[in-house]
PDB file of N, CA and C in Angstrom:
ATOM      1  N   MET A   1      10.751 -42.082 -42.731  1.00  0.00           N
ATOM      2  CA  MET A   1      11.171 -40.864 -42.071  1.00  0.00           C
ATOM      3  C   MET A   1      11.527 -41.201 -40.625  1.00  0.00           C
ATOM      4  N   THR A   2      12.669 -40.689 -40.179  1.00  0.00           N
ATOM      5  CA  THR A   2      13.121 -41.000 -38.824  1.00  0.00           C
ATOM      6  C   THR A   2      12.586 -39.976 -37.839  1.00  0.00           C
ATOM      7  N   LYS A   3      12.462 -40.409 -36.630  1.00  0.00           N
ATOM      8  CA  LYS A   3      11.972 -39.547 -35.555  1.00  0.00           C
ATOM      9  C   LYS A   3      13.098 -38.603 -35.131  1.00  0.00           C
ATOM     10  N   PRO A   4      12.788 -37.297 -34.907  1.00  0.00           N
ATOM     11  CA  PRO A   4      13.844 -36.381 -34.483  1.00  0.00           C
ATOM     12  C   PRO A   4      14.395 -36.799 -33.115  1.00  0.00           C
ATOM     13  N   PRO A   5      15.681 -36.540 -32.841  1.00  0.00           N
ATOM     14  CA  PRO A   5      16.282 -36.974 -31.584  1.00  0.00           C
ATOM     15  C   PRO A   5      15.740 -36.216 -30.367  1.00  0.00           C
ATOM     16  N   PHE A   6      15.167 -35.052 -30.588  1.00  0.00           N
ATOM     17  CA  PHE A   6      14.640 -34.254 -29.476  1.00  0.00           C
ATOM     18  C   PHE A   6      13.133 -34.115 -29.614  1.00  0.00           C
ATOM     19  N   PRO A   7      12.429 -33.946 -28.500  1.00  0.00           N
ATOM     20  CA  PRO A   7      10.988 -33.701 -28.608  1.00  0.00           C
ATOM     21  C   PRO A   7      10.741 -32.362 -29.305  1.00  0.00           C
ATOM     22  N   PRO A   8       9.540 -32.150 -29.790  1.00  0.00           N
ATOM     23  CA  PRO A   8       9.243 -30.857 -30.414  1.00  0.00           C
ATOM     24  C   PRO A   8       9.608 -29.715 -29.458  1.00  0.00           C
ATOM     25  N   PHE A   9      10.002 -28.590 -30.024  1.00  0.00           N
ATOM     26  CA  PHE A   9      10.513 -27.473 -29.229  1.00  0.00           C
ATOM     27  C   PHE A   9       9.583 -27.050 -28.087  1.00  0.00           C
ATOM     28  N   PRO A  10       8.294 -26.798 -28.311  1.00  0.00           N
ATOM     29  CA  PRO A  10       7.450 -26.360 -27.197  1.00  0.00           C
ATOM     30  C   PRO A  10       7.441 -27.349 -26.034  1.00  0.00           C
ATOM     31  N   LYS A  11       7.379 -28.657 -26.335  1.00  0.00           N
ATOM     32  CA  LYS A  11       7.376 -29.642 -25.262  1.00  0.00           C
ATOM     33  C   LYS A  11       8.728 -29.676 -24.564  1.00  0.00           C
ATOM     34  N   ALA A  12       9.803 -29.622 -25.334  1.00  0.00           N
ATOM     35  CA  ALA A  12      11.141 -29.620 -24.742  1.00  0.00           C
ATOM     36  C   ALA A  12      11.318 -28.399 -23.843  1.00  0.00           C
ATOM     37  N   PHE A  13      10.834 -27.273 -24.307  1.00  0.00           N
ATOM     38  CA  PHE A  13      10.941 -26.045 -23.517  1.00  0.00           C
ATOM     39  C   PHE A  13      10.135 -26.159 -22.229  1.00  0.00           C
ATOM     40  N   ALA A  14       8.927 -26.693 -22.316  1.00  0.00           N
ATOM     41  CA  ALA A  14       8.085 -26.861 -21.129  1.00  0.00           C
ATOM     42  C   ALA A  14       8.733 -27.819 -20.139  1.00  0.00           C
ATOM     43  N   ASP A  15       9.312 -28.909 -20.652  1.00  0.00           N
ATOM     44  CA  ASP A  15       9.997 -29.863 -19.773  1.00  0.00           C
ATOM     45  C   ASP A  15      11.188 -29.212 -19.083  1.00  0.00           C
ATOM     46  N   LEU A  16      11.978 -28.470 -19.845  1.00  0.00           N
ATOM     47  CA  LEU A  16      13.139 -27.790 -19.281  1.00  0.00           C
ATOM     48  C   LEU A  16      12.708 -26.781 -18.217  1.00  0.00           C
ATOM     49  N   GLN A  17      11.663 -26.052 -18.514  1.00  0.00           N
ATOM     50  CA  GLN A  17      11.152 -25.059 -17.570  1.00  0.00           C
ATOM     51  C   GLN A  17      10.695 -25.734 -16.278  1.00  0.00           C
ATOM     52  N   ALA A  18      10.019 -26.855 -16.387  1.00  0.00           N
ATOM     53  CA  ALA A  18       9.565 -27.588 -15.207  1.00  0.00           C
ATOM     54  C   ALA A  18      10.749 -28.084 -14.387  1.00  0.00           C
ATOM     55  N   LYS A  19      11.769 -28.606 -15.057  1.00  0.00           N
ATOM     56  CA  LYS A  19      12.952 -29.110 -14.347  1.00  0.00           C
ATOM     57  C   LYS A  19      13.702 -27.981 -13.644  1.00  0.00           C
ATOM     58  N   VAL A  20      13.846 -26.851 -14.307  1.00  0.00           N
ATOM     59  CA  VAL A  20      14.518 -25.704 -13.685  1.00  0.00           C
ATOM     60  C   VAL A  20      13.704 -25.216 -12.490  1.00  0.00           C
ATOM     61  N   GLY A  21      12.393 -25.179 -12.637  1.00  0.00           N
ATOM     62  CA  GLY A  21      11.535 -24.779 -11.522  1.00  0.00           C
ATOM     63  C   GLY A  21      11.690 -25.707 -10.333  1.00  0.00           C
ATOM     64  N   ASP A  22      11.739 -27.014 -10.592  1.00  0.00           N
ATOM     65  CA  ASP A  22      11.940 -27.993  -9.513  1.00  0.00           C
ATOM     66  C   ASP A  22      13.272 -27.764  -8.817  1.00  0.00           C
ATOM     67  N   LEU A  23      14.311 -27.513  -9.594  1.00  0.00           N
ATOM     68  CA  LEU A  23      15.631 -27.263  -9.006  1.00  0.00           C
ATOM     69  C   LEU A  23      15.636 -26.002  -8.150  1.00  0.00           C
ATOM     70  N   MET A  24      14.983 -24.960  -8.627  1.00  0.00           N
ATOM     71  CA  MET A  24      14.945 -23.702  -7.878  1.00  0.00           C
ATOM     72  C   MET A  24      14.194 -23.862  -6.562  1.00  0.00           C
ATOM     73  N   ARG A  25      13.100 -24.605  -6.592  1.00  0.00           N
ATOM     74  CA  ARG A  25      12.326 -24.812  -5.370  1.00  0.00           C
ATOM     75  C   ARG A  25      13.107 -25.631  -4.354  1.00  0.00           C
ATOM     76  N   ALA A  26      13.955 -26.515  -4.823  1.00  0.00           N
ATOM     77  CA  ALA A  26      14.722 -27.383  -3.937  1.00  0.00           C
ATOM     78  C   ALA A  26      16.067 -26.767  -3.549  1.00  0.00           C
ATOM     79  N   SER A  27      16.410 -25.629  -4.088  1.00  0.00           N
ATOM     80  CA  SER A  27      17.737 -25.055  -3.843  1.00  0.00           C
ATOM     81  C   SER A  27      17.775 -24.254  -2.546  1.00  0.00           C
ATOM     82  N   PRO A  28      18.959 -24.019  -2.030  1.00  0.00           N
ATOM     83  CA  PRO A  28      19.104 -23.173  -0.844  1.00  0.00           C
ATOM     84  C   PRO A  28      18.606 -21.748  -1.093  1.00  0.00           C
ATOM     85  N   ALA A  29      18.635 -21.301  -2.331  1.00  0.00           N
ATOM     86  CA  ALA A  29      18.154 -19.954  -2.639  1.00  0.00           C
ATOM     87  C   ALA A  29      16.676 -19.821  -2.303  1.00  0.00           C
ATOM     88  N   ALA A  30      15.893 -20.852  -2.574  1.00  0.00           N
ATOM     89  CA  ALA A  30      14.466 -20.809  -2.257  1.00  0.00           C
ATOM     90  C   ALA A  30      14.265 -20.747  -0.750  1.00  0.00           C
ATOM     91  N   GLU A  31      15.060 -21.507  -0.014  1.00  0.00           N
ATOM     92  CA  GLU A  31      14.959 -21.491   1.449  1.00  0.00           C
ATOM     93  C   GLU A  31      15.355 -20.112   1.986  1.00  0.00           C
ATOM     94  N   LEU A  32      16.424 -19.555   1.437  1.00  0.00           N
ATOM     95  CA  LEU A  32      16.869 -18.227   1.844  1.00  0.00           C
ATOM     96  C   LEU A  32      15.792 -17.189   1.539  1.00  0.00           C
ATOM     97  N   GLU A  33      15.167 -17.319   0.382  1.00  0.00           N
ATOM     98  CA  GLU A  33      14.101 -16.387   0.010  1.00  0.00           C
ATOM     99  C   GLU A  33      12.960 -16.459   1.015  1.00  0.00           C
ATOM    100  N   GLY A  34      12.601 -17.664   1.426  1.00  0.00           N
ATOM    101  CA  GLY A  34      11.541 -17.832   2.419  1.00  0.00           C
ATOM    102  C   GLY A  34      11.898 -17.176   3.739  1.00  0.00           C
ATOM    103  N   HIS A  35      13.147 -17.348   4.184  1.00  0.00           N
ATOM    104  CA  HIS A  35      13.593 -16.728   5.436  1.00  0.00           C
ATOM    105  C   HIS A  35      13.596 -15.204   5.328  1.00  0.00           C
ATOM    106  N   MET A  36      14.011 -14.707   4.168  1.00  0.00           N
ATOM    107  CA  MET A  36      14.043 -13.255   3.983  1.00  0.00           C
ATOM    108  C   MET A  36      12.634 -12.671   3.978  1.00  0.00           C
ATOM    109  N   LYS A  37      11.691 -13.372   3.353  1.00  0.00           N
ATOM    110  CA  LYS A  37      10.306 -12.900   3.349  1.00  0.00           C
ATOM    111  C   LYS A  37       9.756 -12.856   4.765  1.00  0.00           C
ATOM    112  N   THR A  38      10.055 -13.881   5.555  1.00  0.00           N
ATOM    113  CA  THR A  38       9.593 -13.922   6.941  1.00  0.00           C
ATOM    114  C   THR A  38      10.196 -12.771   7.739  1.00  0.00           C
ATOM    115  N   ALA A  39      11.496 -12.549   7.589  1.00  0.00           N
ATOM    116  CA  ALA A  39      12.166 -11.467   8.313  1.00  0.00           C
ATOM    117  C   ALA A  39      11.619 -10.107   7.892  1.00  0.00           C
ATOM    118  N   LEU A  40      11.393  -9.929   6.606  1.00  0.00           N
ATOM    119  CA  LEU A  40      10.857  -8.668   6.108  1.00  0.00           C
ATOM    120  C   LEU A  40       9.451  -8.429   6.642  1.00  0.00           C
ATOM    121  N   SER A  41       8.629  -9.466   6.658  1.00  0.00           N
ATOM    122  CA  SER A  41       7.268  -9.335   7.188  1.00  0.00           C
ATOM    123  C   SER A  41       7.297  -8.946   8.656  1.00  0.00           C
ATOM    124  N   ALA A  42       8.183  -9.561   9.434  1.00  0.00           N
ATOM    125  CA  ALA A  42       8.291  -9.243  10.857  1.00  0.00           C
ATOM    126  C   ALA A  42       8.745  -7.798  11.056  1.00  0.00           C
ATOM    127  N   THR A  43       9.698  -7.359  10.260  1.00  0.00           N
ATOM    128  CA  THR A  43      10.185  -5.982  10.363  1.00  0.00           C
ATOM    129  C   THR A  43       9.085  -4.995  10.008  1.00  0.00           C
ATOM    130  N   MET A  44       8.338  -5.286   8.955  1.00  0.00           N
ATOM    131  CA  MET A  44       7.244  -4.398   8.549  1.00  0.00           C
ATOM    132  C   MET A  44       6.173  -4.328   9.630  1.00  0.00           C
ATOM    133  N   ALA A  45       5.887  -5.447  10.284  1.00  0.00           N
ATOM    134  CA  ALA A  45       4.880  -5.466  11.343  1.00  0.00           C
ATOM    135  C   ALA A  45       5.323  -4.590  12.512  1.00  0.00           C
ATOM    136  N   LYS A  46       6.604  -4.596  12.829  1.00  0.00           N
ATOM    137  CA  LYS A  46       7.126  -3.780  13.929  1.00  0.00           C
ATOM    138  C   LYS A  46       7.081  -2.295  13.602  1.00  0.00           C
ATOM    139  N   MET A  47       7.082  -1.953  12.323  1.00  0.00           N
ATOM    140  CA  MET A  47       7.115  -0.552  11.911  1.00  0.00           C
ATOM    141  C   MET A  47       5.748   0.114  12.041  1.00  0.00           C
ATOM    142  N   ASP A  48       4.715  -0.639  12.334  1.00  0.00           N
ATOM    143  CA  ASP A  48       3.369  -0.097  12.523  1.00  0.00           C
ATOM    144  C   ASP A  48       2.920   0.712  11.304  1.00  0.00           C
ATOM    145  N   LEU A  49       3.065   0.126  10.126  1.00  0.00           N
ATOM    146  CA  LEU A  49       2.686   0.771   8.875  1.00  0.00           C
ATOM    147  C   LEU A  49       1.185   0.642   8.645  1.00  0.00           C
ATOM    148  N   VAL A  50       0.640   1.536   7.842  1.00  0.00           N
ATOM    149  CA  VAL A  50      -0.773   1.468   7.488  1.00  0.00           C
ATOM    150  C   VAL A  50      -0.897   1.195   5.995  1.00  0.00           C
ATOM    151  N   THR A  51      -2.062   0.722   5.609  1.00  0.00           N
ATOM    152  CA  THR A  51      -2.296   0.469   4.193  1.00  0.00           C
ATOM    153  C   THR A  51      -2.545   1.787   3.471  1.00  0.00           C
ATOM    154  N   ARG A  52      -2.389   1.784   2.171  1.00  0.00           N
ATOM    155  CA  ARG A  52      -2.663   2.970   1.359  1.00  0.00           C
ATOM    156  C   ARG A  52      -4.117   3.398   1.544  1.00  0.00           C
ATOM    157  N   GLU A  53      -5.018   2.412   1.612  1.00  0.00           N
ATOM    158  CA  GLU A  53      -6.447   2.698   1.782  1.00  0.00           C
ATOM    159  C   GLU A  53      -6.697   3.433   3.099  1.00  0.00           C
ATOM    160  N   ASP A  54      -6.100   2.946   4.194  1.00  0.00           N
ATOM    161  CA  ASP A  54      -6.268   3.604   5.493  1.00  0.00           C
ATOM    162  C   ASP A  54      -5.672   5.009   5.474  1.00  0.00           C
ATOM    163  N   PHE A  55      -4.521   5.158   4.841  1.00  0.00           N
ATOM    164  CA  PHE A  55      -3.875   6.465   4.756  1.00  0.00           C
ATOM    165  C   PHE A  55      -4.762   7.456   4.012  1.00  0.00           C
ATOM    166  N   GLU A  56      -5.305   7.040   2.868  1.00  0.00           N
ATOM    167  CA  GLU A  56      -6.150   7.928   2.076  1.00  0.00           C
ATOM    168  C   GLU A  56      -7.428   8.288   2.820  1.00  0.00           C
ATOM    169  N   LEU A  57      -7.993   7.337   3.560  1.00  0.00           N
ATOM    170  CA  LEU A  57      -9.187   7.611   4.354  1.00  0.00           C
ATOM    171  C   LEU A  57      -8.882   8.656   5.423  1.00  0.00           C
ATOM    172  N   GLN A  58      -7.770   8.500   6.132  1.00  0.00           N
ATOM    173  CA  GLN A  58      -7.381   9.476   7.151  1.00  0.00           C
ATOM    174  C   GLN A  58      -7.112  10.842   6.525  1.00  0.00           C
ATOM    175  N   GLN A  59      -6.535  10.848   5.351  1.00  0.00           N
ATOM    176  CA  GLN A  59      -6.257  12.097   4.643  1.00  0.00           C
ATOM    177  C   GLN A  59      -7.566  12.824   4.311  1.00  0.00           C
ATOM    178  N   GLN A  60      -8.579  12.083   3.852  1.00  0.00           N
ATOM    179  CA  GLN A  60      -9.881  12.680   3.546  1.00  0.00           C
ATOM    180  C   GLN A  60     -10.539  13.225   4.808  1.00  0.00           C
ATOM    181  N   MET A  61     -10.460  12.463   5.895  1.00  0.00           N
ATOM    182  CA  MET A  61     -11.056  12.905   7.156  1.00  0.00           C
ATOM    183  C   MET A  61     -10.379  14.179   7.653  1.00  0.00           C
ATOM    184  N   LEU A  62      -9.063  14.254   7.541  1.00  0.00           N
ATOM    185  CA  LEU A  62      -8.327  15.440   7.960  1.00  0.00           C
ATOM    186  C   LEU A  62      -8.717  16.642   7.106  1.00  0.00           C
ATOM    187  N   SER A  63      -8.851  16.436   5.815  1.00  0.00           N
ATOM    188  CA  SER A  63      -9.229  17.520   4.915  1.00  0.00           C
ATOM    189  C   SER A  63     -10.605  18.079   5.282  1.00  0.00           C
ATOM    190  N   LYS A  64     -11.560  17.185   5.553  1.00  0.00           N
ATOM    191  CA  LYS A  64     -12.904  17.629   5.949  1.00  0.00           C
ATOM    192  C   LYS A  64     -12.865  18.364   7.282  1.00  0.00           C
ATOM    193  N   ALA A  65     -12.077  17.868   8.226  1.00  0.00           N
ATOM    194  CA  ALA A  65     -11.972  18.517   9.535  1.00  0.00           C
ATOM    195  C   ALA A  65     -11.378  19.919   9.394  1.00  0.00           C
ATOM    196  N   LEU A  66     -10.375  20.069   8.532  1.00  0.00           N
ATOM    197  CA  LEU A  66      -9.771  21.385   8.315  1.00  0.00           C
ATOM    198  C   LEU A  66     -10.766  22.350   7.674  1.00  0.00           C
ATOM    199  N   GLU A  67     -11.583  21.857   6.744  1.00  0.00           N
ATOM    200  CA  GLU A  67     -12.606  22.701   6.119  1.00  0.00           C
ATOM    201  C   GLU A  67     -13.627  23.161   7.154  1.00  0.00           C
ATOM    202  N   LYS A  68     -14.073  22.246   8.017  1.00  0.00           N
ATOM    203  CA  LYS A  68     -15.039  22.600   9.063  1.00  0.00           C
ATOM    204  C   LYS A  68     -14.435  23.605  10.037  1.00  0.00           C
ATOM    205  N   MET A  69     -13.169  23.412  10.409  1.00  0.00           N
ATOM    206  CA  MET A  69     -12.516  24.324  11.337  1.00  0.00           C
ATOM    207  C   MET A  69     -12.411  25.719  10.729  1.00  0.00           C
ATOM    208  N   ALA A  70     -12.075  25.810   9.453  1.00  0.00           N
ATOM    209  CA  ALA A  70     -11.983  27.109   8.784  1.00  0.00           C
ATOM    210  C   ALA A  70     -13.350  27.789   8.757  1.00  0.00           C
ATOM    211  N   ALA A  71     -14.403  27.021   8.496  1.00  0.00           N
ATOM    212  CA  ALA A  71     -15.757  27.587   8.484  1.00  0.00           C
ATOM    213  C   ALA A  71     -16.139  28.079   9.877  1.00  0.00           C
ATOM    214  N   LEU A  72     -15.801  27.313  10.900  1.00  0.00           N
ATOM    215  CA  LEU A  72     -16.106  27.728  12.275  1.00  0.00           C
ATOM    216  C   LEU A  72     -15.316  28.980  12.666  1.00  0.00           C
ATOM    217  N   GLU A  73     -14.073  29.071  12.245  1.00  0.00           N
ATOM    218  CA  GLU A  73     -13.271  30.266  12.534  1.00  0.00           C
ATOM    219  C   GLU A  73     -13.885  31.498  11.875  1.00  0.00           C
ATOM    220  N   ARG A  74     -14.360  31.345  10.633  1.00  0.00           N
ATOM    221  CA  ARG A  74     -15.026  32.469   9.955  1.00  0.00           C
ATOM    222  C   ARG A  74     -16.291  32.874  10.705  1.00  0.00           C
ATOM    223  N   ARG A  75     -17.032  31.878  11.175  1.00  0.00           N
ATOM    224  CA  ARG A  75     -18.274  32.157  11.909  1.00  0.00           C
ATOM    225  C   ARG A  75     -17.979  32.878  13.219  1.00  0.00           C
ATOM    226  N   VAL A  76     -16.917  32.496  13.919  1.00  0.00           N
ATOM    227  CA  VAL A  76     -16.535  33.168  15.167  1.00  0.00           C
ATOM    228  C   VAL A  76     -16.205  34.632  14.887  1.00  0.00           C
ATOM    229  N   VAL A  77     -15.469  34.890  13.820  1.00  0.00           N
ATOM    230  CA  VAL A  77     -15.129  36.270  13.452  1.00  0.00           C
ATOM    231  C   VAL A  77     -16.406  37.058  13.177  1.00  0.00           C
ATOM    232  N   GLU A  78     -17.357  36.464  12.456  1.00  0.00           N
ATOM    233  CA  GLU A  78     -18.630  37.135  12.164  1.00  0.00           C
ATOM    234  C   GLU A  78     -19.394  37.433  13.448  1.00  0.00           C
ATOM    235  N   LEU A  79     -19.460  36.472  14.346  1.00  0.00           N
ATOM    236  CA  LEU A  79     -20.189  36.666  15.602  1.00  0.00           C
ATOM    237  C   LEU A  79     -19.521  37.720  16.485  1.00  0.00           C
ATOM    238  N   GLU A  80     -18.193  37.735  16.524  1.00  0.00           N
ATOM    239  CA  GLU A  80     -17.493  38.755  17.309  1.00  0.00           C
ATOM    240  C   GLU A  80     -17.746  40.145  16.739  1.00  0.00           C
ATOM    241  N   ALA A  81     -17.757  40.246  15.415  1.00  0.00           N
ATOM    242  CA  ALA A  81     -18.034  41.533  14.775  1.00  0.00           C
ATOM    243  C   ALA A  81     -19.465  41.970  15.074  1.00  0.00           C
ATOM    244  N   GLU A  82     -20.403  41.048  15.031  1.00  0.00           N
ATOM    245  CA  GLU A  82     -21.805  41.359  15.348  1.00  0.00           C
ATOM    246  C   GLU A  82     -21.937  41.804  16.801  1.00  0.00           C
ATOM    247  N   LYS A  83     -21.232  41.139  17.690  1.00  0.00           N
ATOM    248  CA  LYS A  83     -21.271  41.496  19.116  1.00  0.00           C
ATOM    249  C   LYS A  83     -20.750  42.913  19.310  1.00  0.00           C
ATOM    250  N   LEU A  84     -19.631  43.260  18.680  1.00  0.00           N
ATOM    251  CA  LEU A  84     -19.084  44.613  18.790  1.00  0.00           C
ATOM    252  C   LEU A  84     -20.058  45.645  18.239  1.00  0.00           C
ATOM    253  N   ARG A  85     -20.691  45.329  17.134  1.00  0.00           N
ATOM    254  CA  ARG A  85     -21.659  46.251  16.528  1.00  0.00           C
ATOM    255  C   ARG A  85     -22.825  46.498  17.475  1.00  0.00           C
ATOM    256  N   LEU A  86     -23.328  45.437  18.110  1.00  0.00           N
ATOM    257  CA  LEU A  86     -24.447  45.575  19.042  1.00  0.00           C
ATOM    258  C   LEU A  86     -24.034  46.327  20.304  1.00  0.00           C
ATOM    259  N   GLU A  87     -22.812  46.109  20.774  1.00  0.00           N
ATOM    260  CA  GLU A  87     -22.334  46.817  21.968  1.00  0.00           C
ATOM    261  C   GLU A  87     -22.191  48.310  21.695  1.00  0.00           C
ATOM    262  N   LYS A  88     -21.796  48.695  20.491  1.00  0.00           N
ATOM    263  CA  LYS A  88     -21.638  50.102  20.141  1.00  0.00           C
ATOM    264  C   LYS A  88     -22.995  50.794  20.049  1.00  0.00           C
ATOM    265  N   LYS A  89     -24.040  50.065  19.686  1.00  0.00           N
ATOM    266  CA  LYS A  89     -25.388  50.626  19.574  1.00  0.00           C
ATOM    267  C   LYS A  89     -25.947  50.968  20.949  1.00  0.00           C
ATOM    268  N   SER A  90     -25.580  50.198  21.952  1.00  0.00           N
ATOM    269  CA  SER A  90     -26.188  50.407  23.264  1.00  0.00           C
ATOM    270  C   SER A  90     -25.411  51.326  24.151  1.00  0.00           C
TER     271      SER A  90
END
């Protein structure tokens, strides 16, 4: 029985994949991609963006502050009404 002219398919595929990967890493496209990533990172840093986690934390804090403010406003209305009631008695 003669040996097939090509390596078994999985090995041939793995070899081809490795060679294509080597070519891509050595190509100008890879260098361009690196420059674009650097430029994008610099632009994002200048935009003063926050993480999703920080945004959600601030959102929760704002929600709690609004709830407390609403409760305090209700309490002020109650106290003003009580003050008027006491002033009318005297």
